[in-house]
N, C-alpha and C. Protein backbone atom coordinates (compact mmCIF):
# COMPACT_ATOMS: atom_id res chain seq x y z
N MET A 1 302.83 150.61 -61.85
CA MET A 1 303.13 151.33 -63.07
C MET A 1 303.90 152.59 -62.75
N ASP A 2 304.87 152.86 -63.57
CA ASP A 2 305.59 154.12 -63.37
C ASP A 2 304.80 155.27 -63.99
N SER A 3 305.23 156.48 -63.74
CA SER A 3 304.45 157.65 -64.14
C SER A 3 304.37 157.80 -65.67
N ARG A 4 305.39 157.37 -66.40
CA ARG A 4 305.34 157.48 -67.86
C ARG A 4 304.29 156.54 -68.44
N ALA A 5 304.21 155.34 -67.90
CA ALA A 5 303.22 154.38 -68.38
C ALA A 5 301.80 154.85 -68.07
N VAL A 6 301.63 155.43 -66.89
CA VAL A 6 300.31 155.95 -66.51
C VAL A 6 299.91 157.10 -67.43
N ALA A 7 300.84 158.00 -67.69
CA ALA A 7 300.56 159.14 -68.58
C ALA A 7 300.23 158.65 -69.99
N PHE A 8 300.98 157.67 -70.48
CA PHE A 8 300.72 157.13 -71.81
C PHE A 8 299.35 156.48 -71.87
N PHE A 9 299.01 155.68 -70.86
CA PHE A 9 297.71 155.02 -70.81
C PHE A 9 296.59 156.05 -70.77
N PHE A 10 296.77 157.11 -69.99
CA PHE A 10 295.77 158.17 -69.88
C PHE A 10 295.55 158.85 -71.24
N LEU A 11 296.65 159.17 -71.94
CA LEU A 11 296.53 159.79 -73.26
C LEU A 11 295.89 158.85 -74.27
N LEU A 12 296.20 157.57 -74.17
CA LEU A 12 295.60 156.59 -75.05
C LEU A 12 294.09 156.51 -74.84
N VAL A 13 293.65 156.51 -73.60
CA VAL A 13 292.22 156.49 -73.29
C VAL A 13 291.54 157.74 -73.83
N LEU A 14 292.17 158.90 -73.67
CA LEU A 14 291.60 160.15 -74.20
C LEU A 14 291.47 160.10 -75.72
N ALA A 15 292.44 159.51 -76.38
CA ALA A 15 292.40 159.43 -77.84
C ALA A 15 291.24 158.57 -78.32
N PHE A 16 290.95 157.49 -77.60
CA PHE A 16 289.87 156.60 -78.01
C PHE A 16 288.49 157.10 -77.56
N GLN A 17 288.44 158.06 -76.69
CA GLN A 17 287.16 158.60 -76.23
C GLN A 17 286.43 159.30 -77.37
N GLY A 18 287.13 159.99 -78.21
CA GLY A 18 286.51 160.76 -79.28
C GLY A 18 285.98 162.07 -78.74
N ASN A 19 285.44 162.85 -79.61
CA ASN A 19 284.92 164.16 -79.24
C ASN A 19 283.41 164.05 -79.02
N PRO A 20 282.93 164.26 -77.80
CA PRO A 20 281.50 164.12 -77.53
C PRO A 20 280.66 165.22 -78.17
N SER A 21 281.28 166.27 -78.65
CA SER A 21 280.50 167.34 -79.26
C SER A 21 279.96 166.93 -80.63
N PHE A 22 280.48 165.83 -81.19
CA PHE A 22 279.97 165.35 -82.46
C PHE A 22 278.73 164.46 -82.28
N ALA A 23 278.38 164.15 -81.06
CA ALA A 23 277.22 163.30 -80.81
C ALA A 23 275.95 164.03 -81.25
N GLU A 24 275.06 163.30 -81.88
CA GLU A 24 273.81 163.88 -82.35
C GLU A 24 272.85 164.01 -81.18
N GLU A 25 272.32 165.20 -81.00
CA GLU A 25 271.40 165.45 -79.89
C GLU A 25 269.97 165.29 -80.40
N CYS A 26 269.27 164.30 -79.88
CA CYS A 26 267.90 164.02 -80.30
C CYS A 26 266.98 164.00 -79.08
N LEU A 27 265.71 164.27 -79.34
CA LEU A 27 264.72 164.15 -78.28
C LEU A 27 263.50 163.44 -78.82
N VAL A 28 262.78 162.77 -77.93
CA VAL A 28 261.58 162.04 -78.31
C VAL A 28 260.39 162.75 -77.68
N LEU A 29 259.44 163.12 -78.52
CA LEU A 29 258.22 163.77 -78.05
C LEU A 29 257.06 162.80 -78.15
N ARG A 30 256.21 162.81 -77.14
CA ARG A 30 254.98 162.00 -77.15
C ARG A 30 253.82 162.98 -77.11
N ILE A 31 253.05 163.02 -78.19
CA ILE A 31 251.98 164.00 -78.34
C ILE A 31 250.64 163.27 -78.42
N PRO A 32 249.73 163.52 -77.45
CA PRO A 32 248.40 162.90 -77.55
C PRO A 32 247.71 163.36 -78.83
N ASP A 33 247.14 162.42 -79.56
CA ASP A 33 246.53 162.74 -80.84
C ASP A 33 245.25 161.92 -80.99
N PHE A 34 244.24 162.53 -81.56
CA PHE A 34 242.96 161.85 -81.77
C PHE A 34 243.12 160.79 -82.85
N VAL A 35 243.03 159.56 -82.51
CA VAL A 35 243.13 158.39 -83.37
C VAL A 35 244.53 158.20 -83.95
N CYS A 36 245.28 159.24 -84.19
CA CYS A 36 246.67 159.21 -84.66
C CYS A 36 246.84 158.57 -86.03
N PRO A 37 246.26 159.16 -87.08
CA PRO A 37 246.60 158.67 -88.43
C PRO A 37 248.03 159.10 -88.75
N PHE A 38 248.78 158.24 -89.42
CA PHE A 38 250.21 158.51 -89.63
C PHE A 38 250.50 159.81 -90.37
N PRO A 39 249.79 160.15 -91.47
CA PRO A 39 250.12 161.42 -92.15
C PRO A 39 249.97 162.63 -91.23
N ALA A 40 248.94 162.63 -90.39
CA ALA A 40 248.76 163.74 -89.45
C ALA A 40 249.86 163.74 -88.40
N CYS A 41 250.29 162.57 -87.99
CA CYS A 41 251.37 162.46 -87.00
C CYS A 41 252.67 163.01 -87.58
N MET A 42 252.96 162.66 -88.82
CA MET A 42 254.18 163.14 -89.46
C MET A 42 254.15 164.66 -89.61
N LEU A 43 253.00 165.21 -89.96
CA LEU A 43 252.87 166.66 -90.10
C LEU A 43 253.07 167.34 -88.75
N THR A 44 252.47 166.78 -87.70
CA THR A 44 252.64 167.32 -86.35
C THR A 44 254.12 167.29 -85.95
N CYS A 45 254.80 166.20 -86.26
CA CYS A 45 256.22 166.08 -85.92
C CYS A 45 257.06 167.11 -86.68
N LYS A 46 256.73 167.34 -87.95
CA LYS A 46 257.48 168.32 -88.73
C LYS A 46 257.29 169.73 -88.17
N ILE A 47 256.07 170.05 -87.75
CA ILE A 47 255.82 171.36 -87.15
C ILE A 47 256.59 171.51 -85.85
N ARG A 48 256.60 170.46 -85.02
CA ARG A 48 257.36 170.51 -83.77
C ARG A 48 258.86 170.61 -84.03
N ALA A 49 259.34 169.94 -85.08
CA ALA A 49 260.77 169.99 -85.41
C ALA A 49 261.19 171.40 -85.80
N ILE A 50 260.33 172.11 -86.52
CA ILE A 50 260.64 173.50 -86.88
C ILE A 50 260.79 174.34 -85.62
N GLY A 51 259.91 174.12 -84.65
CA GLY A 51 259.99 174.85 -83.39
C GLY A 51 261.24 174.56 -82.59
N HIS A 52 261.79 173.35 -82.75
CA HIS A 52 263.01 172.95 -82.02
C HIS A 52 264.27 173.12 -82.86
N HIS A 53 264.13 173.67 -84.07
CA HIS A 53 265.26 173.86 -85.00
C HIS A 53 265.96 172.53 -85.28
N GLY A 54 265.15 171.52 -85.60
CA GLY A 54 265.71 170.20 -85.88
C GLY A 54 265.02 169.55 -87.06
N LYS A 55 265.30 168.26 -87.23
CA LYS A 55 264.70 167.47 -88.31
C LYS A 55 264.06 166.23 -87.71
N VAL A 56 262.98 165.78 -88.33
CA VAL A 56 262.31 164.56 -87.89
C VAL A 56 263.13 163.37 -88.35
N LYS A 57 263.54 162.57 -87.39
CA LYS A 57 264.29 161.35 -87.71
C LYS A 57 263.33 160.17 -87.83
N GLU A 58 262.30 160.19 -86.98
CA GLU A 58 261.36 159.08 -86.92
C GLU A 58 260.02 159.58 -86.41
N ALA A 59 258.93 159.02 -86.93
CA ALA A 59 257.59 159.34 -86.45
C ALA A 59 256.77 158.05 -86.46
N TRP A 60 256.02 157.81 -85.38
CA TRP A 60 255.20 156.61 -85.31
C TRP A 60 254.04 156.84 -84.34
N CYS A 61 252.99 156.07 -84.53
CA CYS A 61 251.80 156.17 -83.69
C CYS A 61 251.72 154.95 -82.77
N THR A 62 251.27 155.20 -81.55
CA THR A 62 251.00 154.11 -80.61
C THR A 62 249.62 154.34 -80.03
N GLY A 63 249.06 153.32 -79.44
CA GLY A 63 247.73 153.43 -78.86
C GLY A 63 246.66 153.10 -79.89
N LYS A 64 245.45 152.89 -79.39
CA LYS A 64 244.34 152.53 -80.27
C LYS A 64 243.13 153.38 -79.93
N GLY A 65 242.27 153.51 -80.90
CA GLY A 65 241.03 154.23 -80.68
C GLY A 65 241.26 155.70 -80.40
N LEU A 66 240.59 156.19 -79.37
CA LEU A 66 240.67 157.61 -79.04
C LEU A 66 241.87 157.95 -78.17
N LYS A 67 242.71 156.96 -77.87
CA LYS A 67 243.88 157.20 -77.02
C LYS A 67 245.17 157.06 -77.82
N GLY A 68 245.18 157.64 -79.01
CA GLY A 68 246.37 157.57 -79.85
C GLY A 68 247.44 158.53 -79.37
N ILE A 69 248.68 158.14 -79.56
CA ILE A 69 249.82 159.00 -79.20
C ILE A 69 250.77 159.03 -80.39
N CYS A 70 251.09 160.24 -80.82
CA CYS A 70 252.05 160.44 -81.90
C CYS A 70 253.43 160.59 -81.26
N ASN A 71 254.37 159.77 -81.67
CA ASN A 71 255.73 159.80 -81.14
C ASN A 71 256.67 160.34 -82.22
N CYS A 72 257.53 161.25 -81.84
CA CYS A 72 258.47 161.86 -82.78
C CYS A 72 259.88 161.80 -82.21
N THR A 73 260.83 161.43 -83.04
CA THR A 73 262.24 161.58 -82.69
C THR A 73 262.76 162.75 -83.52
N ILE A 74 263.16 163.82 -82.84
CA ILE A 74 263.63 165.03 -83.50
C ILE A 74 265.10 165.23 -83.13
N CYS A 75 265.93 165.36 -84.16
CA CYS A 75 267.36 165.57 -83.94
C CYS A 75 267.73 167.00 -84.31
N MET A 76 268.53 167.62 -83.45
CA MET A 76 268.93 169.01 -83.65
C MET A 76 269.97 169.11 -84.75
N GLU A 77 269.93 170.21 -85.46
CA GLU A 77 270.87 170.43 -86.56
C GLU A 77 272.14 171.05 -86.05
């Protein structure tokens, strides 16, 4: 390839890359919770989201009995 073709290909790749600063930054928190009823899990996630200056995207409970875990996906604003 000559230098013009290489430069064109490089610019084309950059154009299709997009801007990574528009990517949504999210984190998943796993919080040990007693039995983990969903309303309490959602409230816990909302409180954590306020601390991280974000919004709750998803909240769910895993585990059974006394080993419940509240999982939160919090995305930054």
